[in-house]
Protein backbone atom coordinates (compact mmCIF):
# COMPACT_ATOMS: atom_id res chain seq x y z
CA MET A 1 46.74 -50.38 22.10
CA LYS A 2 43.94 -50.62 19.56
CA PRO A 3 40.90 -52.34 21.13
CA ASN A 4 39.71 -55.63 19.66
CA TYR A 5 36.05 -54.82 19.04
CA GLU A 6 35.38 -58.28 17.60
CA SER A 7 35.65 -59.82 21.06
CA TRP A 8 33.37 -57.23 22.72
CA SER A 9 29.82 -58.02 23.70
CA LYS A 10 26.85 -56.10 22.35
CA GLU A 11 26.44 -54.16 25.61
CA GLU A 12 30.14 -53.18 25.61
CA LEU A 13 29.97 -51.95 22.02
CA ILE A 14 26.89 -49.80 22.81
CA THR A 15 28.64 -48.29 25.83
CA ARG A 16 31.71 -47.48 23.73
CA LEU A 17 29.64 -45.79 21.01
CA ARG A 18 28.00 -43.60 23.62
CA GLU A 19 31.40 -42.59 25.00
CA LEU A 20 32.64 -41.61 21.53
CA GLU A 21 29.49 -39.57 20.82
CA THR A 22 29.89 -37.73 24.11
CA LYS A 23 33.53 -36.87 23.37
CA LYS A 24 32.65 -35.70 19.86
CA HIS A 25 29.89 -33.42 21.15
CA THR A 26 32.18 -31.97 23.84
CA LYS A 27 34.91 -31.29 21.29
CA SER A 28 32.59 -29.59 18.82
CA THR A 29 31.12 -27.41 21.57
CA SER A 30 34.52 -26.28 22.81
CA HIS A 31 35.57 -25.22 19.28
CA SER A 32 32.26 -23.58 18.25
CA PRO A 33 32.55 -19.95 17.21
CA THR A 34 31.44 -17.33 19.67
CA SER A 35 27.76 -16.46 19.15
CA LYS A 36 26.94 -12.98 17.95
CA LYS A 37 26.25 -10.41 20.59
CA PRO A 38 22.61 -9.39 20.86
CA PHE A 39 21.75 -6.12 19.09
CA HIS A 40 20.31 -3.61 21.54
CA PHE A 41 18.18 -1.14 19.57
CA SER A 42 17.71 1.07 22.63
CA SER A 43 21.43 1.89 22.68
CA HIS A 44 21.42 3.16 19.09
CA PRO A 45 20.18 6.61 18.01
CA LYS A 46 17.28 6.96 15.61
CA ARG A 47 16.53 9.25 12.69
CA LYS A 48 13.34 9.63 10.71
CA ILE A 49 13.37 8.79 6.99
CA ALA A 50 10.93 8.24 4.15
CA ILE A 51 11.19 5.36 1.69
CA LYS A 52 9.77 5.41 -1.84
CA PHE A 53 9.17 1.97 -3.35
CA CYS A 54 7.25 0.05 -6.02
CA TYR A 55 5.57 -3.36 -5.94
CA SER A 56 3.65 -5.79 -8.14
CA GLY A 57 0.17 -5.85 -6.63
CA TRP A 58 -0.88 -9.20 -8.12
CA GLU A 59 1.73 -10.95 -5.95
CA TYR A 60 0.36 -9.61 -2.65
CA ASN A 61 -2.72 -9.50 -0.47
CA GLY A 62 -2.72 -5.71 -0.51
CA LEU A 63 -0.38 -3.21 1.08
CA ALA A 64 -1.60 -3.05 4.67
CA TYR A 65 -0.28 -5.42 7.35
CA GLN A 66 -2.91 -7.88 8.60
CA ASN A 67 -3.04 -9.42 12.07
CA GLY A 68 -4.52 -12.70 10.89
CA PRO A 69 -3.37 -15.11 8.15
CA THR A 70 -3.80 -14.04 4.51
CA PRO A 71 -3.81 -16.10 1.28
CA LEU A 72 -0.85 -14.05 0.05
CA PRO A 73 1.71 -12.00 1.99
CA THR A 74 1.09 -8.29 2.41
CA VAL A 75 3.54 -5.70 1.12
CA GLU A 76 3.95 -4.05 4.52
CA ASP A 77 4.74 -7.36 6.21
CA VAL A 78 7.45 -8.22 3.66
CA LEU A 79 8.93 -4.70 3.74
CA PHE A 80 8.93 -4.54 7.54
CA LYS A 81 10.69 -7.90 7.75
CA ALA A 82 13.35 -6.55 5.38
CA PHE A 83 13.98 -3.67 7.79
CA VAL A 84 14.18 -6.20 10.63
CA LYS A 85 16.65 -8.42 8.76
CA ALA A 86 18.81 -5.38 8.04
CA ARG A 87 18.72 -4.56 11.78
CA LEU A 88 17.18 -1.18 11.11
CA VAL A 89 14.09 -1.69 13.31
CA ASP A 90 13.22 -3.82 16.33
CA GLU A 91 10.85 -6.63 15.40
CA THR A 92 9.36 -6.82 18.89
CA GLY A 93 8.02 -3.27 18.61
CA GLY A 94 6.13 -3.97 15.40
CA LEU A 95 5.03 -1.22 13.03
CA ASP A 96 3.96 1.09 15.83
CA GLY A 97 7.31 0.72 17.58
CA CYS A 98 9.19 2.37 14.71
CA GLY A 99 6.54 4.98 13.90
CA TRP A 100 5.62 3.29 10.62
CA GLU A 101 3.18 5.28 8.48
CA LYS A 102 2.07 4.75 4.87
CA CYS A 103 0.85 7.32 2.38
CA GLY A 104 -1.99 5.47 0.69
CA ARG A 105 -3.48 2.03 1.14
CA THR A 106 -3.79 -0.23 -1.91
CA ASP A 107 -5.90 -3.38 -1.89
CA ARG A 108 -5.20 -6.86 -3.19
CA GLY A 109 -4.09 -6.88 -6.81
CA VAL A 110 -3.35 -3.13 -7.00
CA SER A 111 0.25 -2.11 -7.76
CA ALA A 112 2.26 0.98 -6.90
CA ALA A 113 5.19 2.74 -8.54
CA GLY A 114 5.60 5.53 -6.00
CA GLN A 115 4.32 4.36 -2.61
CA VAL A 116 5.85 6.04 0.45
CA VAL A 117 6.28 5.05 4.09
CA SER A 118 7.93 7.01 6.89
CA LEU A 119 9.57 5.50 9.97
CA TRP A 120 12.32 5.80 12.59
CA PRO A 121 15.15 3.30 11.86
CA SER A 122 17.94 2.81 14.39
CA THR A 123 20.82 4.61 12.74
CA LYS A 124 22.75 7.81 13.34
CA HIS A 125 24.44 8.15 9.96
CA GLU A 126 23.14 8.04 6.42
CA LEU A 127 23.11 4.48 5.10
CA ARG A 128 22.71 2.97 1.63
CA TYR A 129 19.07 2.19 2.29
CA VAL A 130 18.21 1.40 -1.33
CA SER A 131 20.88 -1.29 -1.75
CA ILE A 132 20.57 -2.62 1.83
CA LEU A 133 16.83 -3.23 1.55
CA ASN A 134 16.77 -4.43 -2.06
CA ARG A 135 19.32 -7.14 -1.17
CA VAL A 136 16.83 -8.74 1.22
CA LEU A 137 13.57 -7.91 -0.58
CA PRO A 138 11.95 -10.09 -3.28
CA PRO A 139 12.16 -8.71 -6.86
CA THR A 140 8.44 -7.86 -6.74
CA ILE A 141 9.19 -5.08 -4.22
CA ARG A 142 11.91 -2.57 -5.08
CA VAL A 143 13.02 0.42 -3.02
CA LEU A 144 13.62 3.34 -5.41
CA ALA A 145 14.82 6.16 -3.16
CA TRP A 146 14.88 7.50 0.39
CA SER A 147 14.80 10.91 2.03
CA PRO A 148 15.73 12.38 5.39
CA ILE A 149 12.64 14.03 6.88
CA SER A 150 11.72 16.15 9.87
CA PRO A 151 10.47 14.46 13.06
CA ASP A 152 6.94 15.80 12.52
CA PHE A 153 6.70 14.59 8.90
CA SER A 154 3.75 12.32 8.10
CA ALA A 155 3.78 10.15 4.98
CA ARG A 156 -0.01 10.31 5.00
CA PHE A 157 -0.89 13.85 6.04
CA ASN A 158 2.01 15.70 4.37
CA CYS A 159 1.02 14.25 0.97
CA LYS A 160 -0.19 17.03 -1.35
CA HIS A 161 -1.91 14.74 -3.83
CA ARG A 162 -2.08 11.12 -4.96
CA HIS A 163 -1.87 10.13 -8.61
CA TYR A 164 -3.49 6.89 -9.79
CA LYS A 165 -3.21 5.33 -13.25
CA TYR A 166 -5.63 2.82 -14.73
CA PHE A 167 -4.55 1.10 -17.98
CA PHE A 168 -7.01 -0.27 -20.54
CA THR A 169 -7.41 -0.95 -24.26
CA SER A 170 -9.72 0.92 -26.60
CA HIS A 171 -11.46 -2.29 -27.69
CA GLY A 172 -15.19 -1.60 -27.99
CA LEU A 173 -14.96 1.84 -26.38
CA ASP A 174 -15.66 5.43 -27.44
CA LEU A 175 -12.82 7.41 -25.83
CA SER A 176 -14.41 10.80 -26.47
CA LEU A 177 -17.51 9.82 -24.49
CA MET A 178 -15.35 8.49 -21.67
CA GLN A 179 -13.39 11.75 -21.50
CA SER A 180 -16.62 13.74 -21.47
CA ALA A 181 -17.75 11.70 -18.46
CA ALA A 182 -14.33 12.03 -16.78
CA ASN A 183 -14.42 15.83 -17.09
CA ARG A 184 -17.39 15.88 -14.72
CA LEU A 185 -15.26 14.37 -11.95
CA VAL A 186 -12.97 17.38 -11.62
CA GLY A 187 -13.62 19.51 -8.55
CA GLU A 188 -14.98 18.73 -5.10
CA HIS A 189 -17.93 16.35 -5.14
CA ASP A 190 -19.71 13.78 -3.01
CA PHE A 191 -18.47 10.39 -4.26
CA ARG A 192 -20.58 8.10 -2.06
CA ASN A 193 -22.07 6.43 -5.17
CA LEU A 194 -18.62 5.99 -6.73
CA CYS A 195 -16.89 3.98 -3.98
CA LYS A 196 -17.40 0.92 -1.82
CA LEU A 197 -19.45 1.70 1.26
CA ASP A 198 -17.96 0.22 4.43
CA PRO A 199 -20.15 0.84 7.51
CA GLY A 200 -17.33 -0.45 9.71
CA LYS A 201 -15.40 2.74 8.96
CA GLN A 202 -18.38 4.92 9.91
CA ILE A 203 -17.61 7.48 7.19
CA THR A 204 -20.11 10.35 6.94
CA ASN A 205 -18.16 12.76 4.73
CA PHE A 206 -17.73 11.52 1.16
CA HIS A 207 -16.55 14.80 -0.31
CA ARG A 208 -13.24 14.49 -2.14
CA CYS A 209 -11.41 16.82 -4.51
CA VAL A 210 -10.32 15.58 -7.94
CA MET A 211 -7.66 17.79 -9.55
CA ARG A 212 -7.29 15.97 -12.87
CA ALA A 213 -9.14 13.21 -14.75
CA GLN A 214 -7.57 12.67 -18.15
CA ILE A 215 -7.51 9.81 -20.68
CA ASN A 216 -4.41 9.60 -22.88
CA PRO A 217 -2.98 7.02 -25.34
CA ILE A 218 0.31 5.35 -24.45
CA SER A 219 0.75 3.02 -27.44
CA PRO A 220 1.05 3.77 -31.20
CA GLU A 221 -2.02 4.45 -33.31
CA ASP A 222 -1.34 1.43 -35.52
CA ASP A 223 -2.37 -0.85 -32.63
CA GLY A 224 -5.92 -0.27 -33.88
CA ASP A 225 -8.68 -1.53 -31.60
CA ASN A 226 -6.14 -2.74 -29.06
CA ARG A 227 -4.46 0.60 -28.52
CA ILE A 228 -3.54 1.04 -24.85
CA TYR A 229 -4.79 4.08 -22.96
CA VAL A 230 -4.30 5.31 -19.41
CA PHE A 231 -6.79 7.08 -17.19
CA ASP A 232 -4.87 9.52 -14.99
CA LEU A 233 -6.74 10.47 -11.83
CA VAL A 234 -5.17 12.98 -9.43
CA GLY A 235 -6.74 14.00 -6.14
CA SER A 236 -5.94 15.03 -2.61
CA ALA A 237 -7.43 11.83 -1.18
CA PHE A 238 -9.60 8.92 -2.28
CA LEU A 239 -12.34 6.75 -0.83
CA TYR A 240 -12.38 2.94 -0.59
CA HIS A 241 -12.22 1.46 -4.14
CA GLN A 242 -13.10 4.87 -5.59
CA VAL A 243 -10.88 4.62 -8.68
CA ARG A 244 -12.16 1.17 -9.66
CA HIS A 245 -15.79 2.28 -9.27
CA ILE A 246 -15.14 5.34 -11.43
CA MET A 247 -13.53 3.16 -14.12
CA ALA A 248 -16.53 0.81 -14.13
CA ILE A 249 -18.80 3.77 -14.88
CA LEU A 250 -16.45 5.08 -17.57
CA PHE A 251 -16.52 1.66 -19.26
CA LEU A 252 -20.33 1.77 -19.30
CA VAL A 253 -20.19 5.22 -20.88
CA GLY A 254 -17.53 4.14 -23.39
CA THR A 255 -19.67 1.26 -24.63
CA GLY A 256 -22.71 3.50 -25.00
CA LEU A 257 -24.77 1.72 -22.35
CA GLU A 258 -24.81 4.92 -20.28
CA GLN A 259 -24.53 8.61 -21.15
CA PRO A 260 -21.71 10.82 -19.78
CA SER A 261 -24.29 12.61 -17.63
CA ILE A 262 -24.56 9.44 -15.48
CA VAL A 263 -21.45 10.64 -13.64
CA SER A 264 -23.17 13.89 -12.66
CA ALA A 265 -26.28 11.96 -11.66
CA LEU A 266 -24.33 9.66 -9.34
CA MET A 267 -22.79 12.70 -7.66
CA ASN A 268 -26.19 14.37 -7.23
CA VAL A 269 -26.82 12.96 -3.77
CA SER A 270 -28.90 15.82 -2.33
CA PRO A 271 -30.98 18.74 -3.63
CA ASP A 272 -28.17 21.12 -2.60
CA THR A 273 -25.58 19.57 -4.96
CA SER A 274 -27.50 19.77 -8.25
CA ASN A 275 -26.69 23.47 -8.68
CA SER A 276 -22.94 22.78 -8.74
CA LEU A 277 -23.13 20.11 -11.47
CA PRO A 278 -23.01 20.86 -15.22
CA ASP A 279 -26.04 18.82 -16.29
CA ALA A 280 -29.52 20.24 -15.78
CA GLN A 281 -32.52 18.34 -14.40
CA LEU A 282 -30.49 15.58 -12.83
CA PRO A 283 -32.27 12.81 -10.89
CA LEU A 284 -31.56 12.67 -7.18
CA VAL A 285 -29.43 9.60 -6.39
CA ASP A 286 -29.02 9.51 -2.61
CA ARG A 287 -28.46 5.74 -2.52
CA LYS A 288 -25.90 3.78 -4.51
CA PRO A 289 -27.22 1.55 -7.32
CA GLU A 290 -25.74 -1.94 -7.52
CA TYR A 291 -22.90 -2.38 -10.02
CA GLN A 292 -19.59 -4.22 -10.24
CA MET A 293 -16.35 -2.27 -9.94
CA ALA A 294 -13.50 -2.61 -12.42
CA ASP A 295 -10.70 -5.17 -12.17
CA ALA A 296 -7.75 -4.46 -9.84
CA LEU A 297 -4.87 -5.55 -12.10
CA PRO A 298 -4.62 -2.41 -14.31
CA LEU A 299 -4.67 -0.01 -11.33
CA MET A 300 -1.45 1.58 -10.09
CA LEU A 301 -0.65 4.19 -7.46
CA TRP A 302 1.75 6.13 -9.62
CA ASP A 303 2.92 8.87 -7.30
CA CYS A 304 2.53 10.40 -3.85
CA ALA A 305 3.48 14.07 -4.12
CA TYR A 306 5.10 16.15 -1.37
CA ALA A 307 6.42 19.66 -1.06
CA ASP A 308 10.09 20.07 -2.03
CA SER A 309 10.74 21.38 1.48
CA ASP A 310 9.47 18.10 2.98
CA VAL A 311 11.49 15.50 1.06
CA THR A 312 14.79 15.29 -0.81
CA TRP A 313 14.83 11.94 -2.57
CA GLN A 314 18.24 10.28 -2.66
CA ILE A 315 19.74 7.13 -4.15
CA ASP A 316 22.88 5.07 -3.48
CA ASP A 317 24.36 5.26 -6.97
CA ASP A 318 28.10 5.95 -6.82
CA GLY A 319 28.29 7.04 -10.45
CA THR A 320 29.83 3.81 -11.78
CA GLU A 321 28.27 1.54 -14.38
CA SER A 322 27.89 -1.19 -11.77
CA GLY A 323 26.31 1.12 -9.20
CA THR A 324 23.12 0.33 -7.34
CA GLY A 325 21.04 2.57 -9.60
CA SER A 326 22.27 0.84 -12.72
CA ASP A 327 21.64 -2.59 -11.21
CA LEU A 328 18.10 -1.63 -10.18
CA TYR A 329 17.31 -0.23 -13.61
CA HIS A 330 18.72 -3.36 -15.25
CA GLN A 331 16.52 -5.59 -13.05
CA LEU A 332 13.31 -3.75 -13.93
CA HIS A 333 14.32 -3.43 -17.58
CA SER A 334 14.80 -7.19 -17.77
CA ILE A 335 11.34 -7.76 -16.28
CA HIS A 336 9.85 -5.36 -18.83
CA GLN A 337 11.61 -7.09 -21.72
CA ARG A 338 10.32 -10.47 -20.58
CA SER A 339 6.75 -9.12 -20.32
CA LEU A 340 6.97 -7.86 -23.92
CA ILE A 341 7.87 -11.37 -25.04
CA HIS A 342 4.89 -12.77 -23.13
CA THR A 343 2.65 -10.22 -24.87
CA THR A 344 4.00 -11.23 -28.29
CA LEU A 345 3.48 -14.92 -27.52
CA ASP A 346 -0.12 -14.27 -26.44
CA GLU A 347 -0.70 -12.29 -29.64
CA HIS A 348 0.48 -15.22 -31.73
CA PHE A 349 -1.72 -17.61 -29.78
CA LEU A 350 -4.66 -15.36 -30.72
CA ASN A 351 -3.55 -15.24 -34.37
CA ALA A 352 -3.33 -19.02 -34.48
CA THR A 353 -6.83 -19.30 -33.05
CA ALA A 354 -8.19 -16.81 -35.62
CA GLN A 355 -7.22 -19.20 -38.42
CA TYR A 356 -9.97 -21.61 -37.35
CA HIS A 357 -12.38 -19.62 -35.17
CA SER A 358 -14.23 -16.43 -36.02
CA PRO A 359 -14.35 -13.61 -33.48
CA PRO A 360 -17.73 -12.98 -31.82
CA PRO A 361 -19.94 -10.13 -33.14
CA GLN A 362 -18.88 -6.69 -31.98
CA TYR A 363 -21.73 -4.62 -30.52
CA PHE A 364 -19.71 -1.86 -28.82
CA PRO A 365 -19.33 1.02 -28.92
CA PHE A 366 -22.89 1.91 -29.84
CA SER A 367 -21.69 5.25 -31.20
CA ARG A 368 -19.80 3.33 -33.91
CA THR A 369 -22.08 0.34 -34.54
CA GLY A 370 -25.31 2.35 -34.48
CA LEU A 371 -26.92 -0.20 -32.14
CA THR A 372 -28.81 0.24 -28.88
CA PRO A 373 -29.68 -2.28 -26.13
CA HIS A 374 -33.09 -2.68 -27.87
CA THR A 375 -31.82 -3.18 -31.45
CA LEU A 376 -29.19 -5.86 -30.90
CA PRO A 377 -29.39 -8.55 -33.62
CA ARG A 378 -30.43 -12.04 -32.61
CA SER A 379 -28.37 -15.11 -33.48
CA THR A 380 -29.33 -17.60 -36.22
CA LEU A 381 -31.12 -19.62 -33.55
CA SER A 382 -33.10 -16.51 -32.48
CA ARG A 383 -31.28 -16.38 -29.18
CA GLU A 384 -30.80 -13.09 -27.40
CA PRO A 385 -27.26 -11.78 -27.81
CA VAL A 386 -24.96 -11.89 -24.80
CA LEU A 387 -23.38 -8.55 -23.93
CA GLY A 388 -19.87 -8.50 -22.52
CA VAL A 389 -19.55 -5.29 -20.50
CA PRO A 390 -15.83 -4.57 -20.00
CA LEU A 391 -14.42 -4.48 -16.48
CA GLY A 392 -10.76 -4.02 -17.42
CA ALA A 393 -7.81 -6.36 -18.01
CA GLY A 394 -9.79 -8.56 -20.40
CA THR A 395 -12.55 -9.31 -17.89
CA TYR A 396 -16.24 -8.86 -18.66
CA LYS A 397 -19.61 -9.01 -17.00
CA ARG A 398 -21.77 -11.02 -19.37
CA GLY A 399 -25.53 -10.93 -19.58
CA ALA A 400 -28.37 -11.05 -22.10
CA LYS A 401 -30.13 -7.98 -20.77
CA TYR A 402 -28.68 -4.68 -19.63
CA VAL A 403 -30.47 -2.81 -16.84
CA PRO A 404 -29.68 0.94 -16.79
CA LEU A 405 -27.89 2.04 -13.63
CA LEU A 406 -30.63 4.32 -12.33
CA GLU A 407 -33.22 1.53 -12.70
CA ARG A 408 -31.27 -0.96 -10.60
CA LYS A 409 -31.75 -1.95 -7.00
CA ARG A 410 -30.30 0.62 -4.59
CA LEU A 411 -28.27 -0.05 -1.48
CA ASP A 412 -29.35 1.34 1.88
CA HIS A 413 -28.70 4.99 2.59
CA VAL A 414 -25.32 5.63 4.19
CA ASP A 415 -26.90 6.84 7.43
CA VAL A 416 -29.04 3.70 7.67
CA ALA A 417 -26.09 1.36 6.99
CA ASN A 418 -23.90 3.15 9.53
CA GLU A 419 -26.58 3.03 12.21
CA ARG A 420 -27.30 -0.66 11.62
CA TRP A 421 -23.58 -1.43 12.00
CA ARG A 422 -23.35 0.55 15.24
CA ILE A 423 -26.31 -1.33 16.72
CA GLY A 424 -25.29 -4.76 15.45
CA ARG A 425 -21.75 -5.69 14.54
CA GLY A 426 -20.40 -2.41 15.87
CA SER A 427 -21.53 -3.06 19.44
CA LYS A 428 -20.26 -6.64 19.26
CA SER A 429 -16.93 -5.41 17.92
CA SER A 430 -16.64 -2.87 20.73
CA LYS A 431 -17.40 -5.57 23.31
CA GLN A 432 -14.82 -7.87 21.70
CA LYS A 433 -12.19 -5.14 21.90
CA GLN A 434 -13.04 -4.64 25.58
CA ASP A 435 -12.73 -8.36 26.19
CA GLU A 436 -9.38 -8.46 24.34
CA THR A 437 -8.14 -5.57 26.49
CA LEU A 438 -9.14 -7.46 29.62
CA ASP A 439 -7.38 -10.58 28.35
CA ASP A 440 -4.23 -8.59 27.67
CA GLY A 441 -4.43 -7.16 31.19
CA ILE A 442 -4.68 -10.64 32.68
CA GLU A 443 -1.71 -11.92 30.71
């Protein structure tokens, strides 16, 4: 018989509602699907592989995983989580648990087209790593290929050389002077004045070998003053922010504010090195002068090179038009097409502005304008002209007076900075690590 709820009291109605809710919960629980069995990584075999991938640096807080919070995600954190989601690595073990190793670190804003990591995923057979990972990765990180590797392979130490590209326009620059300066980089030199000094790393050897330093055009000649060039820098290894410091110096040379010999001078860090440099009577520069490094956006880690016997890069493409390779190419081609439209729109914004506003006076390059820092024309109000020294990607360091590099304030000598860190922050850091170890032991 259907109950007559209209005659029930408030307390009886509440009791009835509770009974119905209990029955509903019991019924839903009894019919719920069986939960997935836990995945035991220890029961699955492992094999070592290398992954080659690209990423848009401006979207991330650098490549390296960070323990603390960061304004933007890091590439390693996002890529590692993709491996976890695909059940290829155990999240509880972290990067160390799967033998994760990267080839070269890139900082915030710097992109890569051929970055490589090696690791031990839990799998016995060859999988479609490219398609599996790209399905769970954001479009700003794309896995390009993978390779089976030997157990003793190291993504870092097996790398034969690293190839960086820095893109820039020819606006206000003398490319022949820049190439003359770049030629001086080739060979093994001490680059302590062409990198960021980090006492926390306690580096004492700043010798690195540059195999190639070449500037080449990549856009048609009819682009005029906005023709795009690339600086290709190839070396066995690089120091912290070395490429961006080198580009800052090349920009100074391209404008005419510095001579190409400034590169040799900055590498002349001791009396013993002057004999190996091409320029005679170089000043001794054993401490780095203060200057701002170039912008991060145009910098790309283009390739990490390995011996053919170490890696055999493979893809998942099955040969059909809808294969993974075709899909990946289509994705990146679409992004490129959209960026070309953005460039055209920005060009038309500039053209619209030029109808009403005149461009500022062009002082650079001095080799073309015939000017020097001392002969710059004053404005109609007799104000000193403001120089915009290029830093790449349309950014400039503006100032009314240019101070030559070798006349600027110098940083402390490397040995002094390292010793001060060891006595100060270094000892505190060591004590903190000891305390953290004790805390971990207690827990």
